[in-house]
Amino acid sequence: MSSRRSRVSEEEINRLVSKLQSLLPETRQRGAGRASAAKLLKETCNYIRSLNRDVDDLSDRLSAIMATMDSSSAEAEMVRSLLRS
């Protein structure tokens, strides 16, 4: 494939950077100021790492809760049904 076909236009990059900027909480709070693409990508990586830590923490907490429940209780069944959906 030629490098000409695989290149993304500057306009497309700007559109994608703007879209990404609108998804990140920190950049939405800052307002309309435009961050560099490199800084935005770094913030995105940090945000994803933070989300992964949150998921791990919630998973650990849920495991601890489930370990203390009677597996046949209504509460345990409710948790299982929430996890299935």
Protein backbone atom coordinates (compact mmCIF):
# COMPACT_ATOMS: atom_id res chain seq x y z
CA MET A 1 0.00 0.00 0.00
CA SER A 2 1.40 3.39 -0.87
CA SER A 3 2.16 5.86 1.90
CA ARG A 4 -0.08 8.36 0.14
CA ARG A 5 -3.16 6.21 0.70
CA SER A 6 -2.35 5.36 4.31
CA ARG A 7 -1.79 8.94 5.42
CA VAL A 8 -4.43 10.68 7.44
CA SER A 9 -5.12 14.27 6.50
CA GLU A 10 -4.39 17.06 8.93
CA GLU A 11 -8.08 17.92 8.86
CA GLU A 12 -8.97 14.36 9.91
CA ILE A 13 -6.39 14.45 12.72
CA ASN A 14 -7.80 17.77 13.95
CA ARG A 15 -11.33 16.37 13.87
CA LEU A 16 -10.27 13.26 15.82
CA VAL A 17 -8.30 15.33 18.36
CA SER A 18 -11.35 17.55 18.91
CA LYS A 19 -13.56 14.50 19.35
CA LEU A 20 -11.12 12.96 21.83
CA GLN A 21 -10.84 16.25 23.68
CA SER A 22 -14.61 16.34 24.14
CA LEU A 23 -14.54 12.87 25.75
CA LEU A 24 -11.96 13.54 28.46
CA PRO A 25 -13.29 15.04 31.71
CA GLU A 26 -10.20 17.19 32.34
CA THR A 27 -10.28 18.79 28.91
CA ARG A 28 -14.04 19.41 29.06
CA GLN A 29 -13.58 21.23 32.38
CA ARG A 30 -10.81 23.43 30.96
CA GLY A 31 -13.15 24.84 28.37
CA ALA A 32 -12.51 25.68 24.76
CA GLY A 33 -8.71 25.90 25.01
CA ARG A 34 -7.05 23.65 22.45
CA ALA A 35 -4.42 21.23 23.77
CA SER A 36 -1.68 19.82 21.58
CA ALA A 37 -2.35 16.37 20.13
CA ALA A 38 0.62 14.96 22.07
CA LYS A 39 -0.61 16.35 25.38
CA LEU A 40 -4.11 15.14 24.66
CA LEU A 41 -2.88 11.63 23.90
CA LYS A 42 -0.87 11.61 27.13
CA GLU A 43 -3.94 12.72 29.09
CA THR A 44 -6.00 10.04 27.36
CA CYS A 45 -3.51 7.35 28.38
CA ASN A 46 -3.52 8.62 31.96
CA TYR A 47 -7.32 8.65 32.01
CA ILE A 48 -7.51 5.08 30.68
CA ARG A 49 -4.99 3.95 33.33
CA SER A 50 -7.13 5.65 35.97
CA LEU A 51 -10.25 3.88 34.69
CA ASN A 52 -8.40 0.55 34.78
CA ARG A 53 -7.38 1.16 38.41
CA ASP A 54 -11.00 2.01 39.26
CA VAL A 55 -12.24 -1.19 37.62
CA ASP A 56 -9.65 -3.25 39.50
CA ASP A 57 -10.61 -1.59 42.78
CA LEU A 58 -14.33 -2.16 42.21
CA SER A 59 -13.68 -5.77 41.23
CA ASP A 60 -11.70 -6.36 44.43
CA ARG A 61 -14.43 -4.74 46.53
CA LEU A 62 -17.14 -6.77 44.82
CA SER A 63 -15.17 -9.98 45.37
CA ALA A 64 -14.84 -9.14 49.06
CA ILE A 65 -18.58 -8.47 49.34
CA MET A 66 -19.48 -11.65 47.48
CA ALA A 67 -17.18 -13.67 49.77
CA THR A 68 -19.20 -12.57 52.81
CA MET A 69 -22.62 -13.29 51.26
CA ASP A 70 -24.57 -16.47 51.36
CA SER A 71 -24.36 -17.62 47.73
CA SER A 72 -28.05 -18.55 47.73
CA SER A 73 -29.25 -15.26 49.21
CA ALA A 74 -31.44 -12.77 47.37
CA GLU A 75 -28.65 -10.19 47.56
CA ALA A 76 -26.15 -12.54 45.92
CA GLU A 77 -28.63 -13.33 43.16
CA MET A 78 -29.24 -9.62 42.61
CA VAL A 79 -25.49 -8.99 42.26
CA ARG A 80 -25.18 -11.90 39.83
CA SER A 81 -28.06 -10.56 37.73
CA LEU A 82 -26.47 -7.11 37.62
CA LEU A 83 -23.20 -8.63 36.45
CA ARG A 84 -24.97 -10.52 33.67
CA SER A 85 -26.59 -7.39 32.25
